[in-house]
Amino acid sequence: MREIILNKTGSLKCYNLPSGLFASDFESSIKSFTPGEWAILVNKKKGERYLGFINPLVEASSPCAHAISKETSKTPLDIIEERLKNSWEKRDRISDYKDSARMVYGASDGLPGLIADSFLNGVIIQINCAGMDIYREEICSIIEELSQKKAILLDNEAYRMAEGLPSFSPEKSIQTLEIQEGDLVFSLDVDQIQKVGFYYDHRENRQKLGNYLRRLSWKPKRGLDLFSYLGAWGMTMSKAGVESVQFVDQANFTEQMHKNWKQNNLNGEMKFHHKDVFTFLKERSVEGQKFDLIVSDPPAFCKSPKGAKKALQGYLKLHRSCLKLMNDKSFLAVCSCTRYVDIDSLAQNASLAARQEGKRLTLLDIGTQGLDHPSSNFKDNTNYLKYLLFYVENL
């Protein structure tokens, strides 16, 4: 295994493993390395050595190398297998999620670029780093042994393109994913998968919303689930006593939504709208429709710090559009998975939208990602999810 010397900046970054590194963090060029090649990264001044991998094809704006471990006497596959076992044990010790959860969360589990989500009937694996992709078949086998389930690899073409990796046709050995979240169950045709299959990250926040609604002496009558996907937020509302729920998503989940609604024995009124959310909100505003509870859980509005300002403008437009449809004395839950918009900025954004729409907000609850998406602190790159529940009043 080849060695390469870290410079002062690179050496400092390696104090917290795993650490992402750039070409500028090495004393010499990395161009001679093959994509995903494992190497020994050396802090020459202190004589410290790290096992890691390098990909010279990655653009300068993203990490092109990752320092993984101080255990340089072990093989890369030994390290990967050890950490996969640790991640499975960790979920078992810190949560009660059982068969439906994120079991491997990239760098948070010491495995950059590797995601594994478990479902009742299988595991979906996504590999986005060349250093992990070298062992894709071995990783799949280890995960099958750990989970005692069929595992399939689902490549994200955009992520893999950034690493110079080929994309393979998705496996079809699992046709329908079976998911459980609390007392709700969902099924999903594999052809309709977004991300890695299900948004487990908001599990705790959905539970908090449901528990809060059950505590109320009165119940919101009309609920709206925006960017609904399989409708986990809206079905949580219904389960907690909301009489009528509407779902909106630009992807066509009409058949799947009705199937899941029936599967969960939900008796309230439901309607799914296959439509762009902003178009839907504008149309309902013109019609004068009003709701007692709206949950807005959009996809990320930017992918880099440079886009944060524009993302906040997008959130302001979205939150104002939601507030136009809200009854007096109602509830608004705003969510964000945009890493570069922090929770305070999101709260201030919602407050500004309320002032512009002649509303007053009272903050009732806050939340972050679930226990299967661990992070070390609020500044950690793996910490990205925000949830804010507001009480909305007219001024």
Protein backbone atom coordinates (compact mmCIF):
# COMPACT_ATOMS: atom_id res chain seq x y z
CA MET A 1 0.00 0.00 0.00
CA ARG A 2 1.44 3.36 -1.04
CA GLU A 3 2.13 6.21 1.36
CA ILE A 4 1.50 9.92 0.90
CA ILE A 5 2.52 12.77 3.21
CA LEU A 6 -0.06 15.11 4.73
CA ASN A 7 0.82 18.78 5.11
CA LYS A 8 0.09 20.74 8.29
CA THR A 9 -3.52 21.49 7.39
CA GLY A 10 -4.22 17.89 6.39
CA SER A 11 -2.60 16.57 9.56
CA LEU A 12 -4.79 18.80 11.73
CA LYS A 13 -7.93 17.56 9.98
CA CYS A 14 -7.04 13.97 10.82
CA TYR A 15 -7.39 14.55 14.56
CA ASN A 16 -11.11 13.81 14.09
CA LEU A 17 -11.67 10.64 12.09
CA PRO A 18 -13.06 9.98 9.62
CA SER A 19 -12.02 13.20 7.93
CA GLY A 20 -12.52 14.49 4.42
CA LEU A 21 -9.41 15.84 2.74
CA PHE A 22 -8.67 17.95 -0.33
CA ALA A 23 -5.76 17.81 -2.78
CA SER A 24 -4.32 20.87 -1.03
CA ASP A 25 -4.02 18.85 2.22
CA PHE A 26 -1.11 16.77 0.83
CA GLU A 27 2.52 17.70 0.28
CA SER A 28 2.61 16.04 -3.15
CA SER A 29 0.21 15.52 -6.04
CA ILE A 30 -2.46 12.81 -5.78
CA LYS A 31 -2.86 12.49 -9.57
CA SER A 32 -0.98 9.18 -9.77
CA PHE A 33 -3.54 7.43 -7.53
CA THR A 34 -6.32 5.40 -9.08
CA PRO A 35 -9.90 6.31 -8.07
CA GLY A 36 -10.65 4.81 -4.67
CA GLU A 37 -7.11 3.57 -4.06
CA TRP A 38 -6.44 2.88 -0.39
CA ALA A 39 -3.22 4.33 1.01
CA ILE A 40 -1.35 5.23 4.20
CA LEU A 41 -1.66 8.95 4.95
CA VAL A 42 1.30 10.14 7.01
CA ASN A 43 1.61 13.00 9.49
CA LYS A 44 5.40 13.22 9.15
CA LYS A 45 5.94 15.65 12.00
CA LYS A 46 4.26 13.47 14.65
CA GLY A 47 4.90 10.13 13.01
CA GLU A 48 1.17 9.33 12.89
CA ARG A 49 -0.23 7.13 10.13
CA TYR A 50 -3.80 6.78 8.91
CA LEU A 51 -5.55 4.32 6.64
CA GLY A 52 -7.63 6.06 4.00
CA PHE A 53 -8.54 6.26 0.34
CA ILE A 54 -8.00 8.78 -2.45
CA ASN A 55 -9.83 9.74 -5.62
CA PRO A 56 -8.06 12.31 -7.83
CA LEU A 57 -11.12 12.57 -10.12
CA VAL A 58 -13.25 14.39 -7.55
CA GLU A 59 -13.80 18.10 -8.21
CA ALA A 60 -11.81 20.58 -6.14
CA SER A 61 -14.93 21.73 -4.26
CA SER A 62 -15.45 18.30 -2.64
CA PRO A 63 -13.21 16.03 -0.53
CA CYS A 64 -11.05 13.86 -2.77
CA ALA A 65 -9.69 11.70 0.05
CA HIS A 66 -10.84 10.31 3.38
CA ALA A 67 -8.73 9.36 6.39
CA ILE A 68 -10.58 6.45 7.99
CA SER A 69 -8.58 4.81 10.78
CA LYS A 70 -5.35 4.73 12.78
CA GLU A 71 -5.44 0.92 12.48
CA THR A 72 -2.98 0.77 9.58
CA SER A 73 -2.11 -2.87 10.26
CA LYS A 74 -5.63 -3.98 9.25
CA THR A 75 -6.89 -4.37 5.70
CA PRO A 76 -9.50 -1.92 4.41
CA LEU A 77 -12.07 -4.70 4.22
CA ASP A 78 -11.36 -5.66 7.85
CA ILE A 79 -12.05 -2.05 8.90
CA ILE A 80 -15.23 -1.88 6.81
CA GLU A 81 -16.58 -5.16 8.21
CA GLU A 82 -15.78 -4.12 11.78
CA ARG A 83 -17.59 -0.80 11.37
CA LEU A 84 -20.60 -2.37 9.71
CA LYS A 85 -20.96 -4.68 12.70
CA ASN A 86 -20.57 -1.73 15.06
CA SER A 87 -23.26 0.27 13.25
CA TRP A 88 -25.73 -2.62 13.54
CA GLU A 89 -24.98 -3.03 17.24
CA LYS A 90 -25.23 0.71 17.82
CA ARG A 91 -28.76 0.93 16.36
CA ASP A 92 -29.82 -1.98 18.52
CA ARG A 93 -28.46 -0.32 21.66
CA ILE A 94 -29.66 3.27 21.11
CA SER A 95 -33.08 2.75 19.53
CA ASP A 96 -36.11 0.47 19.29
CA TYR A 97 -36.49 0.89 15.53
CA LYS A 98 -35.94 -2.81 14.83
CA ASP A 99 -36.43 -3.76 11.18
CA SER A 100 -37.08 -0.35 9.60
CA ALA A 101 -34.22 2.11 10.09
CA ARG A 102 -31.06 3.64 8.67
CA MET A 103 -28.43 1.13 9.70
CA VAL A 104 -25.36 2.81 8.17
CA TYR A 105 -25.08 6.59 7.96
CA GLY A 106 -21.89 7.37 6.09
CA ALA A 107 -19.17 9.26 7.93
CA SER A 108 -21.23 9.22 11.13
CA ASP A 109 -20.55 5.48 11.27
CA GLY A 110 -16.96 5.87 10.06
CA LEU A 111 -17.87 4.77 6.52
CA PRO A 112 -17.92 7.83 4.23
CA GLY A 113 -20.11 7.46 1.18
CA LEU A 114 -21.96 4.37 2.42
CA ILE A 115 -25.68 4.38 3.29
CA ALA A 116 -27.78 1.34 4.20
CA ASP A 117 -31.50 1.47 5.02
CA SER A 118 -33.28 -1.57 6.39
CA PHE A 119 -36.88 -2.45 5.54
CA LEU A 120 -39.12 -5.28 6.68
CA ASN A 121 -38.25 -7.32 3.61
CA GLY A 122 -34.77 -6.17 2.61
CA VAL A 123 -31.92 -3.66 2.79
CA ILE A 124 -31.15 -0.91 0.25
CA ILE A 125 -27.46 0.03 -0.04
CA GLN A 126 -26.13 3.18 -1.67
CA ILE A 127 -22.39 3.68 -2.25
CA ASN A 128 -21.16 7.13 -3.26
CA CYS A 129 -17.37 6.95 -2.67
CA ALA A 130 -14.87 5.15 -4.88
CA GLY A 131 -12.97 3.79 -1.87
CA MET A 132 -16.10 2.00 -0.64
CA ASP A 133 -17.23 1.00 -4.12
CA ILE A 134 -14.13 -1.15 -4.59
CA TYR A 135 -15.69 -3.48 -2.02
CA ARG A 136 -19.34 -3.16 -3.11
CA GLU A 137 -19.96 -6.90 -3.44
CA GLU A 138 -18.25 -7.69 -0.14
CA ILE A 139 -20.21 -4.92 1.61
CA CYS A 140 -23.45 -6.34 0.23
CA SER A 141 -22.58 -9.83 1.53
CA ILE A 142 -21.62 -8.55 5.00
CA ILE A 143 -24.87 -6.58 5.29
CA GLU A 144 -26.93 -9.57 4.22
CA GLU A 145 -25.27 -11.62 6.95
CA LEU A 146 -25.85 -8.92 9.57
CA SER A 147 -29.47 -8.26 8.63
CA GLN A 148 -30.48 -11.76 7.58
CA LYS A 149 -32.25 -10.08 4.65
CA LYS A 150 -31.75 -9.68 0.94
CA ALA A 151 -29.65 -6.57 0.19
CA ILE A 152 -29.75 -4.67 -3.09
CA LEU A 153 -27.46 -1.93 -4.37
CA LEU A 154 -29.21 1.23 -5.56
CA ASP A 155 -26.80 3.61 -7.26
CA ASN A 156 -27.33 7.37 -7.21
CA GLU A 157 -26.14 8.33 -10.66
CA ALA A 158 -25.39 11.99 -9.82
CA TYR A 159 -23.30 11.15 -6.75
CA ARG A 160 -21.41 8.40 -8.53
CA MET A 161 -20.73 10.59 -11.55
CA ALA A 162 -18.99 13.08 -9.23
CA GLU A 163 -16.68 10.25 -8.13
CA GLY A 164 -16.07 9.02 -11.67
CA LEU A 165 -17.90 5.77 -10.88
CA PRO A 166 -20.04 3.72 -13.28
CA SER A 167 -23.76 3.31 -12.58
CA PHE A 168 -25.31 -0.14 -12.77
CA SER A 169 -28.89 -1.05 -13.52
CA PRO A 170 -30.88 -1.38 -10.27
CA GLU A 171 -31.48 -4.90 -9.04
CA LYS A 172 -35.06 -6.15 -9.23
CA SER A 173 -34.87 -8.96 -6.69
CA ILE A 174 -37.16 -6.90 -4.42
CA GLN A 175 -40.22 -5.52 -6.20
CA THR A 176 -41.96 -3.83 -3.26
CA LEU A 177 -40.44 -2.39 -0.11
CA GLU A 178 -42.34 -3.01 3.12
CA ILE A 179 -41.84 -0.31 5.78
CA GLN A 180 -42.97 0.13 9.37
CA GLU A 181 -42.91 3.32 11.41
CA GLY A 182 -44.49 3.00 14.83
CA ASP A 183 -48.00 1.68 14.25
CA LEU A 184 -48.05 2.77 10.59
CA VAL A 185 -47.06 0.53 7.69
CA PHE A 186 -46.21 1.51 4.12
CA SER A 187 -45.45 -0.30 0.90
CA LEU A 188 -43.56 1.17 -2.04
CA ASP A 189 -42.95 -0.06 -5.57
CA VAL A 190 -39.17 -0.11 -6.07
CA ASP A 191 -39.59 1.77 -9.37
CA GLN A 192 -40.92 4.79 -7.42
CA ILE A 193 -38.09 5.01 -4.90
CA GLN A 194 -36.78 8.43 -3.91
CA LYS A 195 -33.38 8.67 -2.17
CA VAL A 196 -32.88 5.29 -0.46
CA GLY A 197 -36.56 4.37 -0.14
CA PHE A 198 -38.06 6.12 2.89
CA TYR A 199 -37.41 9.26 4.91
CA TYR A 200 -36.67 7.70 8.27
CA ASP A 201 -34.94 10.88 9.46
CA HIS A 202 -38.21 12.61 10.52
CA ARG A 203 -39.51 9.57 12.41
CA GLU A 204 -39.14 11.16 15.87
CA ASN A 205 -40.69 14.44 14.69
CA ARG A 206 -43.72 12.69 13.24
CA GLN A 207 -44.11 10.85 16.52
CA LYS A 208 -43.86 14.14 18.42
CA LEU A 209 -46.52 15.73 16.23
CA GLY A 210 -48.86 12.77 16.65
CA ASN A 211 -48.41 12.70 20.43
CA TYR A 212 -49.00 16.45 20.65
CA LEU A 213 -52.23 16.25 18.64
CA ARG A 214 -53.52 13.45 20.86
CA ARG A 215 -53.02 15.64 23.93
CA LEU A 216 -55.28 18.39 22.60
CA SER A 217 -58.88 18.68 23.82
CA TRP A 218 -59.83 19.77 20.29
CA LYS A 219 -58.47 18.40 17.02
CA PRO A 220 -57.58 20.20 13.79
CA LYS A 221 -60.20 19.19 11.22
CA ARG A 222 -58.44 19.82 7.90
CA GLY A 223 -54.81 18.81 7.42
CA LEU A 224 -52.39 19.26 4.52
CA ASP A 225 -49.22 17.23 3.88
CA LEU A 226 -46.94 19.02 1.39
CA PHE A 227 -44.15 17.18 -0.49
CA SER A 228 -45.88 14.12 0.89
CA TYR A 229 -44.04 11.19 -0.75
CA LEU A 230 -45.80 8.15 0.83
CA GLY A 231 -47.80 10.36 3.20
CA ALA A 232 -46.15 9.57 6.54
CA TRP A 233 -46.89 13.04 7.96
CA GLY A 234 -50.51 13.07 6.80
CA MET A 235 -51.22 9.54 7.99
CA THR A 236 -49.73 10.46 11.35
CA MET A 237 -52.21 13.38 11.46
CA SER A 238 -55.12 11.09 10.61
CA LYS A 239 -54.08 8.51 13.20
CA ALA A 240 -54.08 11.32 15.79
CA GLY A 241 -57.63 12.42 14.99
CA VAL A 242 -57.46 14.90 12.09
CA GLU A 243 -60.70 14.34 10.15
CA SER A 244 -59.60 15.19 6.60
CA VAL A 245 -56.11 15.12 5.11
CA GLN A 246 -54.90 16.21 1.67
CA PHE A 247 -51.54 15.15 0.23
CA VAL A 248 -49.50 16.92 -2.46
CA ASP A 249 -46.48 15.64 -4.36
CA GLN A 250 -45.10 16.21 -7.84
CA ALA A 251 -44.55 12.46 -8.21
CA ASN A 252 -47.62 10.34 -8.88
CA PHE A 253 -48.28 8.32 -5.72
CA THR A 254 -52.07 8.22 -6.21
CA GLU A 255 -52.39 4.43 -6.26
CA GLN A 256 -49.74 3.86 -3.59
CA MET A 257 -51.26 6.48 -1.27
CA HIS A 258 -54.73 4.97 -1.39
CA LYS A 259 -53.26 1.51 -0.83
CA ASN A 260 -51.31 2.65 2.24
CA TRP A 261 -54.30 4.58 3.60
CA LYS A 262 -56.44 1.46 3.41
CA GLN A 263 -53.65 -0.75 4.75
CA ASN A 264 -53.49 1.41 7.90
CA ASN A 265 -57.28 1.28 8.43
CA LEU A 266 -57.56 5.08 8.41
CA ASN A 267 -61.20 6.15 8.39
CA GLY A 268 -60.95 9.87 7.73
CA GLU A 269 -61.28 11.62 4.40
CA MET A 270 -58.19 11.75 2.17
CA LYS A 271 -57.23 13.14 -1.21
CA PHE A 272 -53.94 12.99 -3.10
CA HIS A 273 -52.96 15.75 -5.53
CA HIS A 274 -50.35 14.88 -8.16
CA LYS A 275 -49.14 18.43 -8.59
CA ASP A 276 -46.29 20.87 -8.04
CA VAL A 277 -46.62 22.16 -4.47
CA PHE A 278 -46.21 25.86 -5.28
CA THR A 279 -48.84 25.58 -8.03
CA PHE A 280 -51.19 23.80 -5.64
CA LEU A 281 -50.75 26.45 -2.94
CA LYS A 282 -51.40 29.28 -5.39
CA GLU A 283 -54.55 27.62 -6.74
CA ARG A 284 -55.96 26.95 -3.27
CA SER A 285 -55.22 30.52 -2.20
CA VAL A 286 -57.26 31.83 -5.15
CA GLU A 287 -60.07 29.45 -4.19
CA GLY A 288 -59.93 30.64 -0.57
CA GLN A 289 -59.38 27.20 0.92
CA LYS A 290 -58.18 27.06 4.53
CA PHE A 291 -56.53 24.41 6.70
CA ASP A 292 -56.09 23.84 10.44
CA LEU A 293 -52.75 22.00 10.17
CA ILE A 294 -50.12 22.15 7.44
CA VAL A 295 -46.86 20.23 7.37
CA SER A 296 -44.27 21.48 4.86
CA ASP A 297 -41.39 19.04 4.38
CA PRO A 298 -39.63 19.97 1.11
CA PRO A 299 -36.46 18.51 -0.40
CA ALA A 300 -33.19 20.37 0.15
CA PHE A 301 -33.19 23.86 -1.39
CA CYS A 302 -29.40 24.01 -1.90
CA LYS A 303 -26.38 21.71 -1.94
CA SER A 304 -23.60 24.12 -0.90
CA PRO A 305 -23.05 27.10 1.43
CA LYS A 306 -23.15 29.44 -1.56
CA GLY A 307 -26.81 28.60 -2.12
CA ALA A 308 -28.00 29.34 1.43
CA LYS A 309 -29.24 32.88 0.69
CA LYS A 310 -31.28 31.72 -2.29
CA ALA A 311 -32.57 28.76 -0.26
CA LEU A 312 -33.91 31.11 2.42
CA GLN A 313 -35.70 33.10 -0.28
CA GLY A 314 -37.31 29.86 -1.41
CA TYR A 315 -38.36 29.01 2.14
CA LEU A 316 -39.84 32.49 2.59
CA LYS A 317 -41.96 32.06 -0.53
CA LEU A 318 -43.06 28.60 0.61
CA HIS A 319 -43.90 29.67 4.17
CA ARG A 320 -45.85 32.72 3.00
CA SER A 321 -47.82 30.51 0.61
CA CYS A 322 -48.65 28.11 3.44
CA LEU A 323 -49.71 30.90 5.80
CA LYS A 324 -52.17 32.24 3.21
CA LEU A 325 -54.10 28.98 3.56
CA MET A 326 -54.16 28.84 7.36
CA ASN A 327 -57.17 29.37 9.55
CA ASP A 328 -56.87 31.57 12.61
CA LYS A 329 -55.72 29.49 15.61
CA SER A 330 -54.15 26.73 13.54
CA PHE A 331 -50.84 24.82 13.34
CA LEU A 332 -47.93 25.02 10.90
CA ALA A 333 -45.02 22.55 10.93
CA VAL A 334 -42.04 23.68 8.86
CA CYS A 335 -39.21 21.30 8.06
CA SER A 336 -35.86 21.59 6.34
CA CYS A 337 -33.26 19.07 5.23
CA THR A 338 -31.05 21.85 3.81
CA ARG A 339 -27.76 21.40 5.64
CA TYR A 340 -26.67 25.01 5.14
CA VAL A 341 -29.79 26.56 6.70
CA ASP A 342 -29.62 26.23 10.48
CA ILE A 343 -32.62 25.93 12.78
CA ASP A 344 -32.45 29.53 14.00
CA SER A 345 -32.40 30.85 10.43
CA LEU A 346 -35.38 28.62 9.59
CA ALA A 347 -37.33 29.91 12.60
CA GLN A 348 -36.58 33.53 11.74
CA ASN A 349 -37.59 32.84 8.15
CA ALA A 350 -40.98 31.52 9.27
CA SER A 351 -41.45 34.52 11.59
CA LEU A 352 -40.69 36.93 8.74
CA ALA A 353 -43.21 35.14 6.52
CA ALA A 354 -45.81 35.45 9.29
CA ARG A 355 -45.25 39.20 9.69
CA GLN A 356 -45.59 39.68 5.95
CA GLU A 357 -48.87 37.73 5.96
CA GLY A 358 -50.33 39.42 9.03
CA LYS A 359 -49.94 36.39 11.30
CA ARG A 360 -48.42 35.74 14.71
CA LEU A 361 -46.44 32.57 15.40
CA THR A 362 -45.90 30.84 18.73
CA LEU A 363 -43.15 28.23 18.69
CA LEU A 364 -44.44 25.01 20.29
CA ASP A 365 -41.82 22.38 19.50
CA ILE A 366 -38.50 21.75 17.77
CA GLY A 367 -36.83 18.61 16.51
CA THR A 368 -33.86 17.17 14.69
CA GLN A 369 -33.13 13.86 12.97
CA GLY A 370 -33.95 10.46 14.43
CA LEU A 371 -31.74 8.17 16.47
CA ASP A 372 -30.68 6.17 13.41
CA HIS A 373 -29.10 9.32 11.89
CA PRO A 374 -26.56 10.06 14.66
CA SER A 375 -24.30 13.10 14.72
CA SER A 376 -21.86 14.48 17.27
CA ASN A 377 -23.01 18.12 17.47
CA PHE A 378 -25.04 20.81 15.70
CA LYS A 379 -22.10 21.84 13.49
CA ASP A 380 -21.41 18.28 12.37
CA ASN A 381 -21.88 17.83 8.61
CA THR A 382 -24.10 14.83 9.32
CA ASN A 383 -26.54 17.04 11.29
CA TYR A 384 -28.96 18.58 8.79
CA LEU A 385 -32.63 18.07 9.73
CA LYS A 386 -34.92 20.69 11.32
CA TYR A 387 -38.54 20.58 12.51
CA LEU A 388 -40.48 23.50 13.98
CA LEU A 389 -44.12 23.41 15.09
CA PHE A 390 -45.93 26.75 15.34
CA TYR A 391 -49.33 27.93 16.56
CA VAL A 392 -50.69 30.43 14.04
CA GLU A 393 -52.94 33.36 14.92
CA ASN A 394 -54.27 36.27 12.92
CA LEU A 395 -53.07 39.71 13.98
